[in-house]
């Protein structure tokens, strides 16, 4: 049985992804962006309510 790489169905992982596997993972990037946006919204609402 041949692996997918031998059949041409799989490719090598780029060096930039090998160096920073978590940073370039779209799931973690999305979670980080969502956390920043939710935190900014909460701070904005606190400023509106108390300001």
PDB file of N, CA and C in Angstrom:
ATOM      1  N   UNK A   1       0.843  -1.172   0.000  1.00  0.00           N
ATOM      2  CA  UNK A   1       0.000   0.000   0.000  1.00  0.00           C
ATOM      3  C   UNK A   1       0.893   1.241   0.000  1.00  0.00           C
ATOM      4  N   UNK A   2       0.625   2.170  -0.897  1.00  0.00           N
ATOM      5  CA  UNK A   2       1.419   3.385  -1.007  1.00  0.00           C
ATOM      6  C   UNK A   2       0.796   4.489  -0.165  1.00  0.00           C
ATOM      7  N   UNK A   3       1.656   5.376   0.307  1.00  0.00           N
ATOM      8  CA  UNK A   3       1.132   6.523   1.044  1.00  0.00           C
ATOM      9  C   UNK A   3       0.617   7.560   0.054  1.00  0.00           C
ATOM     10  N   UNK A   4      -0.140   8.524   0.572  1.00  0.00           N
ATOM     11  CA  UNK A   4      -0.676   9.579  -0.277  1.00  0.00           C
ATOM     12  C   UNK A   4       0.406  10.423  -0.901  1.00  0.00           C
ATOM     13  N   UNK A   5       1.524  10.596  -0.201  1.00  0.00           N
ATOM     14  CA  UNK A   5       2.613  11.406  -0.726  1.00  0.00           C
ATOM     15  C   UNK A   5       3.221  10.737  -1.962  1.00  0.00           C
ATOM     16  N   UNK A   6       3.302   9.419  -1.952  1.00  0.00           N
ATOM     17  CA  UNK A   6       3.846   8.705  -3.102  1.00  0.00           C
ATOM     18  C   UNK A   6       2.919   8.795  -4.314  1.00  0.00           C
ATOM     19  N   UNK A   7       1.637   8.880  -4.072  1.00  0.00           N
ATOM     20  CA  UNK A   7       0.667   8.947  -5.166  1.00  0.00           C
ATOM     21  C   UNK A   7       0.477  10.363  -5.704  1.00  0.00           C
ATOM     22  N   UNK A   8       1.038  11.360  -5.028  1.00  0.00           N
ATOM     23  CA  UNK A   8       0.881  12.734  -5.474  1.00  0.00           C
ATOM     24  C   UNK A   8      -0.349  13.416  -4.929  1.00  0.00           C
ATOM     25  N   UNK A   9      -1.064  12.792  -3.997  1.00  0.00           N
ATOM     26  CA  UNK A   9      -2.266  13.390  -3.437  1.00  0.00           C
ATOM     27  C   UNK A   9      -1.964  14.297  -2.245  1.00  0.00           C
ATOM     28  N   UNK A  10      -0.789  14.214  -1.693  1.00  0.00           N
ATOM     29  CA  UNK A  10      -0.418  15.004  -0.530  1.00  0.00           C
ATOM     30  C   UNK A  10       0.846  15.787  -0.853  1.00  0.00           C
ATOM     31  N   UNK A  11       0.962  16.958  -0.282  1.00  0.00           N
ATOM     32  CA  UNK A  11       2.152  17.774  -0.543  1.00  0.00           C
ATOM     33  C   UNK A  11       2.889  18.038   0.756  1.00  0.00           C
ATOM     34  N   UNK A  12       4.113  18.546   0.632  1.00  0.00           N
ATOM     35  CA  UNK A  12       4.902  18.879   1.804  1.00  0.00           C
ATOM     36  C   UNK A  12       4.326  20.105   2.499  1.00  0.00           C
ATOM     37  N   UNK A  13       4.554  20.180   3.804  1.00  0.00           N
ATOM     38  CA  UNK A  13       4.143  21.345   4.583  1.00  0.00           C
ATOM     39  C   UNK A  13       5.193  22.428   4.380  1.00  0.00           C
ATOM     40  N   UNK A  14       4.756  23.680   4.070  1.00  0.00           N
ATOM     41  CA  UNK A  14       5.729  24.754   3.868  1.00  0.00           C
ATOM     42  C   UNK A  14       6.555  25.017   5.129  1.00  0.00           C
ATOM     43  N   UNK A  15       7.766  25.522   4.923  1.00  0.00           N
ATOM     44  CA  UNK A  15       8.671  25.781   6.048  1.00  0.00           C
ATOM     45  C   UNK A  15       8.088  26.795   7.023  1.00  0.00           C
ATOM     46  N   UNK A  16       7.351  27.804   6.534  1.00  0.00           N
ATOM     47  CA  UNK A  16       6.788  28.812   7.432  1.00  0.00           C
ATOM     48  C   UNK A  16       5.756  28.194   8.368  1.00  0.00           C
ATOM     49  N   UNK A  17       5.019  27.206   7.897  1.00  0.00           N
ATOM     50  CA  UNK A  17       4.039  26.529   8.745  1.00  0.00           C
ATOM     51  C   UNK A  17       4.748  25.608   9.733  1.00  0.00           C
ATOM     52  N   UNK A  18       5.830  24.976   9.290  1.00  0.00           N
ATOM     53  CA  UNK A  18       6.593  24.130  10.205  1.00  0.00           C
ATOM     54  C   UNK A  18       7.187  24.958  11.348  1.00  0.00           C
ATOM     55  N   UNK A  19       7.596  26.192  11.044  1.00  0.00           N
ATOM     56  CA  UNK A  19       8.217  27.042  12.056  1.00  0.00           C
ATOM     57  C   UNK A  19       7.191  27.585  13.043  1.00  0.00           C
ATOM     58  N   UNK A  20       5.959  27.862  12.595  1.00  0.00           N
ATOM     59  CA  UNK A  20       4.916  28.438  13.444  1.00  0.00           C
ATOM     60  C   UNK A  20       3.597  27.710  13.222  1.00  0.00           C
ATOM     61  N   UNK A  21       3.480  26.451  13.654  1.00  0.00           N
ATOM     62  CA  UNK A  21       2.276  25.685  13.334  1.00  0.00           C
ATOM     63  C   UNK A  21       1.008  26.217  14.003  1.00  0.00           C
ATOM     64  N   UNK A  22       1.112  26.778  15.203  1.00  0.00           N
ATOM     65  CA  UNK A  22      -0.079  27.269  15.896  1.00  0.00           C
ATOM     66  C   UNK A  22      -0.482  28.633  15.352  1.00  0.00           C
ATOM     67  N   UNK A  23       0.496  29.488  15.101  1.00  0.00           N
ATOM     68  CA  UNK A  23       0.209  30.843  14.638  1.00  0.00           C
ATOM     69  C   UNK A  23      -0.509  30.846  13.297  1.00  0.00           C
ATOM     70  N   UNK A  24      -0.168  29.924  12.419  1.00  0.00           N
ATOM     71  CA  UNK A  24      -0.752  29.902  11.083  1.00  0.00           C
ATOM     72  C   UNK A  24      -1.960  28.974  10.965  1.00  0.00           C
ATOM     73  N   UNK A  25      -2.425  28.427  12.096  1.00  0.00           N
ATOM     74  CA  UNK A  25      -3.605  27.576  12.090  1.00  0.00           C
ATOM     75  C   UNK A  25      -4.848  28.470  12.050  1.00  0.00           C
ATOM     76  N   UNK A  26      -5.699  28.358  11.042  1.00  0.00           N
ATOM     77  CA  UNK A  26      -6.855  29.255  10.918  1.00  0.00           C
ATOM     78  C   UNK A  26      -7.827  29.174  12.090  1.00  0.00           C
ATOM     79  N   UNK A  27      -7.929  28.033  12.739  1.00  0.00           N
ATOM     80  CA  UNK A  27      -8.838  27.910  13.876  1.00  0.00           C
ATOM     81  C   UNK A  27      -8.361  28.796  15.020  1.00  0.00           C
ATOM     82  N   UNK A  28      -7.067  28.744  15.328  1.00  0.00           N
ATOM     83  CA  UNK A  28      -6.537  29.561  16.413  1.00  0.00           C
ATOM     84  C   UNK A  28      -6.576  31.042  16.069  1.00  0.00           C
ATOM     85  N   UNK A  29      -6.338  31.386  14.820  1.00  0.00           N
ATOM     86  CA  UNK A  29      -6.407  32.781  14.397  1.00  0.00           C
ATOM     87  C   UNK A  29      -7.831  33.308  14.560  1.00  0.00           C
ATOM     88  N   UNK A  30      -8.817  32.517  14.164  1.00  0.00           N
ATOM     89  CA  UNK A  30     -10.218  32.917  14.297  1.00  0.00           C
ATOM     90  C   UNK A  30     -10.611  33.086  15.756  1.00  0.00           C
ATOM     91  N   UNK A  31     -10.185  32.169  16.612  1.00  0.00           N
ATOM     92  CA  UNK A  31     -10.491  32.280  18.037  1.00  0.00           C
ATOM     93  C   UNK A  31      -9.854  33.537  18.621  1.00  0.00           C
ATOM     94  N   UNK A  32      -8.620  33.833  18.244  1.00  0.00           N
ATOM     95  CA  UNK A  32      -7.942  35.026  18.754  1.00  0.00           C
ATOM     96  C   UNK A  32      -8.656  36.304  18.309  1.00  0.00           C
ATOM     97  N   UNK A  33      -9.041  36.370  17.056  1.00  0.00           N
ATOM     98  CA  UNK A  33      -9.741  37.554  16.539  1.00  0.00           C
ATOM     99  C   UNK A  33     -11.097  37.708  17.222  1.00  0.00           C
ATOM    100  N   UNK A  34     -11.836  36.617  17.378  1.00  0.00           N
ATOM    101  CA  UNK A  34     -13.140  36.674  18.033  1.00  0.00           C
ATOM    102  C   UNK A  34     -13.000  37.123  19.487  1.00  0.00           C
ATOM    103  N   UNK A  35     -11.969  36.661  20.178  1.00  0.00           N
ATOM    104  CA  UNK A  35     -11.750  37.061  21.564  1.00  0.00           C
ATOM    105  C   UNK A  35     -11.480  38.554  21.660  1.00  0.00           C
ATOM    106  N   UNK A  36     -10.672  39.077  20.766  1.00  0.00           N
ATOM    107  CA  UNK A  36     -10.382  40.508  20.764  1.00  0.00           C
ATOM    108  C   UNK A  36     -11.641  41.312  20.476  1.00  0.00           C
ATOM    109  N   UNK A  37     -12.435  40.882  19.507  1.00  0.00           N
ATOM    110  CA  UNK A  37     -13.656  41.614  19.157  1.00  0.00           C
ATOM    111  C   UNK A  37     -14.682  41.583  20.281  1.00  0.00           C
ATOM    112  N   UNK A  38     -14.865  40.444  20.911  1.00  0.00           N
ATOM    113  CA  UNK A  38     -15.827  40.340  22.020  1.00  0.00           C
ATOM    114  C   UNK A  38     -15.362  41.189  23.192  1.00  0.00           C
ATOM    115  N   UNK A  39     -14.076  41.156  23.498  1.00  0.00           N
ATOM    116  CA  UNK A  39     -13.548  41.974  24.588  1.00  0.00           C
ATOM    117  C   UNK A  39     -13.725  43.464  24.290  1.00  0.00           C
ATOM    118  N   UNK A  40     -13.459  43.864  23.070  1.00  0.00           N
ATOM    119  CA  UNK A  40     -13.644  45.271  22.685  1.00  0.00           C
ATOM    120  C   UNK A  40     -15.115  45.669  22.800  1.00  0.00           C
ATOM    121  N   UNK A  41     -16.021  44.797  22.413  1.00  0.00           N
ATOM    122  CA  UNK A  41     -17.444  45.096  22.515  1.00  0.00           C
ATOM    123  C   UNK A  41     -17.872  45.237  23.969  1.00  0.00           C
ATOM    124  N   UNK A  42     -17.381  44.374  24.834  1.00  0.00           N
ATOM    125  CA  UNK A  42     -17.720  44.450  26.260  1.00  0.00           C
ATOM    126  C   UNK A  42     -17.198  45.754  26.857  1.00  0.00           C
ATOM    127  N   UNK A  43     -15.967  46.115  26.535  1.00  0.00           N
ATOM    128  CA  UNK A  43     -15.403  47.375  27.036  1.00  0.00           C
ATOM    129  C   UNK A  43     -16.213  48.554  26.512  1.00  0.00           C
ATOM    130  N   UNK A  44     -16.614  48.523  25.269  1.00  0.00           N
ATOM    131  CA  UNK A  44     -17.426  49.582  24.676  1.00  0.00           C
ATOM    132  C   UNK A  44     -18.769  49.717  25.407  1.00  0.00           C
ATOM    133  N   UNK A  45     -19.390  48.595  25.690  1.00  0.00           N
ATOM    134  CA  UNK A  45     -20.669  48.633  26.404  1.00  0.00           C
ATOM    135  C   UNK A  45     -20.506  49.159  27.832  1.00  0.00           C
ATOM    136  N   UNK A  46     -19.410  48.800  28.495  1.00  0.00           N
ATOM    137  CA  UNK A  46     -19.149  49.315  29.849  1.00  0.00           C
ATOM    138  C   UNK A  46     -18.952  50.833  29.797  1.00  0.00           C
ATOM    139  N   UNK A  47     -18.220  51.315  28.800  1.00  0.00           N
ATOM    140  CA  UNK A  47     -18.006  52.761  28.666  1.00  0.00           C
ATOM    141  C   UNK A  47     -19.330  53.478  28.406  1.00  0.00           C
ATOM    142  N   UNK A  48     -20.185  52.904  27.568  1.00  0.00           N
ATOM    143  CA  UNK A  48     -21.487  53.523  27.301  1.00  0.00           C
ATOM    144  C   UNK A  48     -22.362  53.547  28.547  1.00  0.00           C
ATOM    145  N   UNK A  49     -22.351  52.484  29.315  1.00  0.00           N
ATOM    146  CA  UNK A  49     -23.231  52.369  30.483  1.00  0.00           C
ATOM    147  C   UNK A  49     -22.766  53.277  31.624  1.00  0.00           C
ATOM    148  N   UNK A  50     -21.470  53.296  31.903  1.00  0.00           N
ATOM    149  CA  UNK A  50     -20.949  54.059  33.032  1.00  0.00           C
ATOM    150  C   UNK A  50     -20.449  55.455  32.642  1.00  0.00           C
ATOM    151  N   UNK A  51     -20.315  55.730  31.370  1.00  0.00           N
ATOM    152  CA  UNK A  51     -19.711  56.980  30.935  1.00  0.00           C
ATOM    153  C   UNK A  51     -20.638  58.088  30.706  1.00  0.00           C
TER     154      UNK A  51
END
